[in-house]
Amino acid sequence: MSVAPRGRNTTRSFKIHFVHAHPLGTTSARPAPEIHLHRHRLRVADLDHLGHVGNVRLLDYFQEAQVAMLDPRREHLFQAKGPAYLIAKHNVSYLRRLTFRDSPVEVETVVGRIGTCDVVVNSRLRDERAVYARCRTIWVACVLPEGSTRRLGDEERERLTRFSGAIDELS
């Protein structure tokens, strides 16, 4: 595994393979969903007056990781016209204080559900010792500038399916 230069964010994903037992006694290997992994190096500017990373910054970490998974080429984000994604809802559980350290934290992200026009994304912010926060976000596919919803395309569904499946909630 390569280490990112200081101050840079990195993204990677990995696969776990499960072996499923069938009722008739046969087994088959089926690739499990990928977990999208986004590493984020903390900055002193992220700290609040209490000396830990503030809740708004933690939400920023989740959004950066989810954007990297949803639209890695930035084709549907950060544009004023055409197909895009909007956030309909965030639900964040803050579990423990995250204080400054030199080693990066990781945001693990999976797709909980792919709907007709929306995607439910589950993430958790962690390091090697603990989970600091969890986030469930609903992203809606839309067309800008009107903001009207649109159906997810086949290519989008195929990409998102890589990250969906048996893992609904990261614990």
C-alpha atoms as a PDB file:
ATOM      1  CA  MET A   1       0.000   0.000   0.000  1.00  0.00           C
ATOM      2  CA  SER A   2       1.375   3.398  -0.903  1.00  0.00           C
ATOM      3  CA  VAL A   3       1.315   6.281   1.512  1.00  0.00           C
ATOM      4  CA  ALA A   4      -0.024   9.605   0.277  1.00  0.00           C
ATOM      5  CA  PRO A   5       2.166  12.664   0.432  1.00  0.00           C
ATOM      6  CA  ARG A   6       1.507  14.804   3.476  1.00  0.00           C
ATOM      7  CA  GLY A   7      -1.640  16.888   3.201  1.00  0.00           C
ATOM      8  CA  ARG A   8      -3.187  14.900   0.341  1.00  0.00           C
ATOM      9  CA  ASN A   9      -6.374  12.864   0.298  1.00  0.00           C
ATOM     10  CA  THR A  10      -6.294   9.425  -1.279  1.00  0.00           C
ATOM     11  CA  THR A  11      -9.010   7.066  -2.358  1.00  0.00           C
ATOM     12  CA  ARG A  12      -8.911   3.308  -2.801  1.00  0.00           C
ATOM     13  CA  SER A  13     -11.337   0.415  -2.729  1.00  0.00           C
ATOM     14  CA  PHE A  14     -10.932  -3.245  -1.975  1.00  0.00           C
ATOM     15  CA  LYS A  15     -12.892  -6.471  -2.439  1.00  0.00           C
ATOM     16  CA  ILE A  16     -13.647  -9.312  -0.061  1.00  0.00           C
ATOM     17  CA  HIS A  17     -14.774 -12.643  -1.525  1.00  0.00           C
ATOM     18  CA  PHE A  18     -17.408 -14.714   0.288  1.00  0.00           C
ATOM     19  CA  VAL A  19     -18.005 -18.420  -0.244  1.00  0.00           C
ATOM     20  CA  HIS A  20     -21.735 -19.174  -0.126  1.00  0.00           C
ATOM     21  CA  ALA A  21     -23.114 -22.556   0.896  1.00  0.00           C
ATOM     22  CA  HIS A  22     -26.080 -23.638  -1.198  1.00  0.00           C
ATOM     23  CA  PRO A  23     -28.974 -25.704   0.201  1.00  0.00           C
ATOM     24  CA  LEU A  24     -27.899 -28.694  -1.883  1.00  0.00           C
ATOM     25  CA  GLY A  25     -24.428 -28.706  -0.366  1.00  0.00           C
ATOM     26  CA  THR A  26     -22.544 -27.087  -3.237  1.00  0.00           C
ATOM     27  CA  THR A  27     -20.533 -23.915  -2.806  1.00  0.00           C
ATOM     28  CA  SER A  28     -19.645 -21.094  -5.141  1.00  0.00           C
ATOM     29  CA  ALA A  29     -17.419 -18.077  -4.807  1.00  0.00           C
ATOM     30  CA  ARG A  30     -19.291 -14.802  -5.280  1.00  0.00           C
ATOM     31  CA  PRO A  31     -17.497 -11.472  -5.139  1.00  0.00           C
ATOM     32  CA  ALA A  32     -18.724  -9.383  -2.239  1.00  0.00           C
ATOM     33  CA  PRO A  33     -19.518  -5.734  -2.657  1.00  0.00           C
ATOM     34  CA  GLU A  34     -16.555  -3.420  -2.636  1.00  0.00           C
ATOM     35  CA  ILE A  35     -16.077  -1.022   0.243  1.00  0.00           C
ATOM     36  CA  HIS A  36     -14.983   2.356  -1.066  1.00  0.00           C
ATOM     37  CA  LEU A  37     -12.120   3.661   1.080  1.00  0.00           C
ATOM     38  CA  HIS A  38     -11.161   7.337   1.172  1.00  0.00           C
ATOM     39  CA  ARG A  39      -8.212   8.434   3.318  1.00  0.00           C
ATOM     40  CA  HIS A  40      -8.210  11.941   4.730  1.00  0.00           C
ATOM     41  CA  ARG A  41      -5.331  13.692   6.481  1.00  0.00           C
ATOM     42  CA  LEU A  42      -6.475  15.955   9.307  1.00  0.00           C
ATOM     43  CA  ARG A  43      -5.574  19.638   9.245  1.00  0.00           C
ATOM     44  CA  VAL A  44      -5.109  21.989  12.173  1.00  0.00           C
ATOM     45  CA  ALA A  45      -7.732  24.226  10.554  1.00  0.00           C
ATOM     46  CA  ASP A  46     -10.284  21.401  11.053  1.00  0.00           C
ATOM     47  CA  LEU A  47     -10.101  21.737  14.850  1.00  0.00           C
ATOM     48  CA  ASP A  48     -12.718  23.653  16.789  1.00  0.00           C
ATOM     49  CA  HIS A  49     -12.206  25.690  19.978  1.00  0.00           C
ATOM     50  CA  LEU A  50     -12.389  22.480  22.071  1.00  0.00           C
ATOM     51  CA  GLY A  51      -9.412  20.947  20.260  1.00  0.00           C
ATOM     52  CA  HIS A  52     -11.236  18.286  18.274  1.00  0.00           C
ATOM     53  CA  VAL A  53     -12.475  18.061  14.710  1.00  0.00           C
ATOM     54  CA  GLY A  54     -15.821  19.848  14.547  1.00  0.00           C
ATOM     55  CA  ASN A  55     -19.045  18.207  13.400  1.00  0.00           C
ATOM     56  CA  VAL A  56     -19.246  20.313  10.246  1.00  0.00           C
ATOM     57  CA  ARG A  57     -15.749  19.186   9.222  1.00  0.00           C
ATOM     58  CA  LEU A  58     -16.670  15.535   9.851  1.00  0.00           C
ATOM     59  CA  LEU A  59     -19.639  15.975   7.530  1.00  0.00           C
ATOM     60  CA  ASP A  60     -17.240  17.444   4.943  1.00  0.00           C
ATOM     61  CA  TYR A  61     -15.097  14.285   5.217  1.00  0.00           C
ATOM     62  CA  PHE A  62     -18.181  12.127   4.555  1.00  0.00           C
ATOM     63  CA  GLN A  63     -19.209  14.240   1.569  1.00  0.00           C
ATOM     64  CA  GLU A  64     -15.726  14.132   0.012  1.00  0.00           C
ATOM     65  CA  ALA A  65     -15.632  10.340   0.303  1.00  0.00           C
ATOM     66  CA  GLN A  66     -19.149   9.899  -1.065  1.00  0.00           C
ATOM     67  CA  VAL A  67     -18.465  12.207  -4.010  1.00  0.00           C
ATOM     68  CA  ALA A  68     -15.325  10.195  -4.818  1.00  0.00           C
ATOM     69  CA  MET A  69     -17.430   7.021  -4.886  1.00  0.00           C
ATOM     70  CA  LEU A  70     -20.542   8.370  -6.642  1.00  0.00           C
ATOM     71  CA  ASP A  71     -18.833  10.281  -9.403  1.00  0.00           C
ATOM     72  CA  PRO A  72     -15.083   9.568  -9.548  1.00  0.00           C
ATOM     73  CA  ARG A  73     -14.634  11.495 -12.816  1.00  0.00           C
ATOM     74  CA  ARG A  74     -16.749  14.423 -11.552  1.00  0.00           C
ATOM     75  CA  GLU A  75     -19.067  14.189 -14.568  1.00  0.00           C
ATOM     76  CA  HIS A  76     -22.308  14.834 -12.676  1.00  0.00           C
ATOM     77  CA  LEU A  77     -21.122  16.993  -9.793  1.00  0.00           C
ATOM     78  CA  PHE A  78     -20.044  20.600  -9.541  1.00  0.00           C
ATOM     79  CA  GLN A  79     -21.685  21.707 -12.748  1.00  0.00           C
ATOM     80  CA  ALA A  80     -24.397  24.252 -13.415  1.00  0.00           C
ATOM     81  CA  LYS A  81     -26.180  22.451 -16.237  1.00  0.00           C
ATOM     82  CA  GLY A  82     -27.073  18.875 -17.138  1.00  0.00           C
ATOM     83  CA  PRO A  83     -27.186  15.627 -15.117  1.00  0.00           C
ATOM     84  CA  ALA A  84     -26.125  16.024 -11.492  1.00  0.00           C
ATOM     85  CA  TYR A  85     -26.657  14.761  -7.928  1.00  0.00           C
ATOM     86  CA  LEU A  86     -28.120  16.642  -4.981  1.00  0.00           C
ATOM     87  CA  ILE A  87     -28.145  15.692  -1.310  1.00  0.00           C
ATOM     88  CA  ALA A  88     -31.689  15.156  -0.034  1.00  0.00           C
ATOM     89  CA  LYS A  89     -30.812  14.090   3.519  1.00  0.00           C
ATOM     90  CA  HIS A  90     -27.900  13.456   5.886  1.00  0.00           C
ATOM     91  CA  ASN A  91     -28.231  11.434   9.074  1.00  0.00           C
ATOM     92  CA  VAL A  92     -25.000  11.562  11.095  1.00  0.00           C
ATOM     93  CA  SER A  93     -24.262   9.757  14.361  1.00  0.00           C
ATOM     94  CA  TYR A  94     -21.304  11.290  16.163  1.00  0.00           C
ATOM     95  CA  LEU A  95     -19.816   8.524  18.327  1.00  0.00           C
ATOM     96  CA  ARG A  96     -16.609   9.946  19.831  1.00  0.00           C
ATOM     97  CA  ARG A  97     -14.299  12.931  19.673  1.00  0.00           C
ATOM     98  CA  LEU A  98     -11.735  12.979  16.895  1.00  0.00           C
ATOM     99  CA  THR A  99      -8.570  14.810  17.912  1.00  0.00           C
ATOM    100  CA  PHE A 100      -5.643  15.873  15.754  1.00  0.00           C
ATOM    101  CA  ARG A 101      -3.074  13.280  14.691  1.00  0.00           C
ATOM    102  CA  ASP A 102      -0.528  12.895  11.907  1.00  0.00           C
ATOM    103  CA  SER A 103      -1.950   9.632  10.582  1.00  0.00           C
ATOM    104  CA  PRO A 104      -4.949   9.922   8.258  1.00  0.00           C
ATOM    105  CA  VAL A 105      -8.443   8.732   9.075  1.00  0.00           C
ATOM    106  CA  GLU A 106     -10.446   6.578   6.678  1.00  0.00           C
ATOM    107  CA  VAL A 107     -13.996   6.934   5.448  1.00  0.00           C
ATOM    108  CA  GLU A 108     -15.456   3.582   4.410  1.00  0.00           C
ATOM    109  CA  THR A 109     -18.489   3.874   2.144  1.00  0.00           C
ATOM    110  CA  VAL A 110     -20.993   1.397   0.711  1.00  0.00           C
ATOM    111  CA  VAL A 111     -24.263   1.744  -1.193  1.00  0.00           C
ATOM    112  CA  GLY A 112     -27.194   0.714   0.980  1.00  0.00           C
ATOM    113  CA  ARG A 113     -29.877   0.980  -1.709  1.00  0.00           C
ATOM    114  CA  ILE A 114     -30.157   2.010  -5.351  1.00  0.00           C
ATOM    115  CA  GLY A 115     -33.577   3.414  -6.210  1.00  0.00           C
ATOM    116  CA  THR A 116     -35.057   4.687  -9.440  1.00  0.00           C
ATOM    117  CA  CYS A 117     -33.848   8.255  -8.902  1.00  0.00           C
ATOM    118  CA  ASP A 118     -31.917   8.078  -5.630  1.00  0.00           C
ATOM    119  CA  VAL A 119     -29.055   6.315  -3.881  1.00  0.00           C
ATOM    120  CA  VAL A 120     -28.719   5.640  -0.146  1.00  0.00           C
ATOM    121  CA  VAL A 121     -25.060   5.730   0.887  1.00  0.00           C
ATOM    122  CA  ASN A 122     -23.704   4.493   4.248  1.00  0.00           C
ATOM    123  CA  SER A 123     -20.316   5.652   5.533  1.00  0.00           C
ATOM    124  CA  ARG A 124     -18.227   5.432   8.656  1.00  0.00           C
ATOM    125  CA  LEU A 125     -15.227   7.501   9.734  1.00  0.00           C
ATOM    126  CA  ARG A 126     -12.570   5.443  11.477  1.00  0.00           C
ATOM    127  CA  ASP A 127      -8.939   4.816  12.191  1.00  0.00           C
ATOM    128  CA  GLU A 128      -7.191   1.656  13.392  1.00  0.00           C
ATOM    129  CA  ARG A 129      -8.520   2.180  16.938  1.00  0.00           C
ATOM    130  CA  ALA A 130     -12.119   3.355  16.729  1.00  0.00           C
ATOM    131  CA  VAL A 131     -15.149   4.453  14.728  1.00  0.00           C
ATOM    132  CA  TYR A 132     -15.769   8.184  15.253  1.00  0.00           C
ATOM    133  CA  ALA A 133     -18.948   8.786  13.267  1.00  0.00           C
ATOM    134  CA  ARG A 134     -21.449   7.142  10.923  1.00  0.00           C
ATOM    135  CA  CYS A 135     -23.400   8.795   8.143  1.00  0.00           C
ATOM    136  CA  ARG A 136     -26.359   7.771   6.002  1.00  0.00           C
ATOM    137  CA  THR A 137     -26.956  10.066   3.026  1.00  0.00           C
ATOM    138  CA  ILE A 138     -29.651  10.114   0.364  1.00  0.00           C
ATOM    139  CA  TRP A 139     -28.363  11.415  -2.978  1.00  0.00           C
ATOM    140  CA  VAL A 140     -30.936  12.262  -5.671  1.00  0.00           C
ATOM    141  CA  ALA A 141     -30.144  12.233  -9.384  1.00  0.00           C
ATOM    142  CA  CYS A 142     -31.355  15.445 -11.000  1.00  0.00           C
ATOM    143  CA  VAL A 143     -31.046  17.728 -14.005  1.00  0.00           C
ATOM    144  CA  LEU A 144     -29.706  21.243 -13.483  1.00  0.00           C
ATOM    145  CA  PRO A 145     -30.515  24.112 -13.516  1.00  0.00           C
ATOM    146  CA  GLU A 146     -34.170  23.062 -13.073  1.00  0.00           C
ATOM    147  CA  GLY A 147     -33.400  20.642 -10.230  1.00  0.00           C
ATOM    148  CA  SER A 148     -35.922  18.114 -11.540  1.00  0.00           C
ATOM    149  CA  THR A 149     -35.268  14.475 -10.674  1.00  0.00           C
ATOM    150  CA  ARG A 150     -34.061  12.039 -13.307  1.00  0.00           C
ATOM    151  CA  ARG A 151     -33.682   8.284 -13.517  1.00  0.00           C
ATOM    152  CA  LEU A 152     -30.261   6.827 -12.805  1.00  0.00           C
ATOM    153  CA  GLY A 153     -28.590   5.693 -16.018  1.00  0.00           C
ATOM    154  CA  ASP A 154     -27.388   2.155 -16.718  1.00  0.00           C
ATOM    155  CA  GLU A 155     -23.720   3.156 -16.409  1.00  0.00           C
ATOM    156  CA  GLU A 156     -24.383   4.839 -13.042  1.00  0.00           C
ATOM    157  CA  ARG A 157     -26.264   1.790 -11.764  1.00  0.00           C
ATOM    158  CA  GLU A 158     -23.500  -0.564 -12.879  1.00  0.00           C
ATOM    159  CA  ARG A 159     -20.829   1.498 -11.112  1.00  0.00           C
ATOM    160  CA  LEU A 160     -22.891   1.831  -7.919  1.00  0.00           C
ATOM    161  CA  THR A 161     -23.746  -1.875  -7.855  1.00  0.00           C
ATOM    162  CA  ARG A 162     -20.041  -2.619  -7.271  1.00  0.00           C
ATOM    163  CA  PHE A 163     -20.453  -1.029  -3.842  1.00  0.00           C
ATOM    164  CA  SER A 164     -23.876  -2.455  -2.928  1.00  0.00           C
ATOM    165  CA  GLY A 165     -25.074  -5.788  -1.661  1.00  0.00           C
ATOM    166  CA  ALA A 166     -24.921  -7.664   1.612  1.00  0.00           C
ATOM    167  CA  ILE A 167     -23.399  -4.818   3.598  1.00  0.00           C
ATOM    168  CA  ASP A 168     -26.233  -2.429   4.390  1.00  0.00           C
ATOM    169  CA  GLU A 169     -24.926  -0.798   7.530  1.00  0.00           C
ATOM    170  CA  LEU A 170     -21.276  -0.356   8.388  1.00  0.00           C
ATOM    171  CA  SER A 171     -20.906  -1.007  12.100  1.00  0.00           C
END
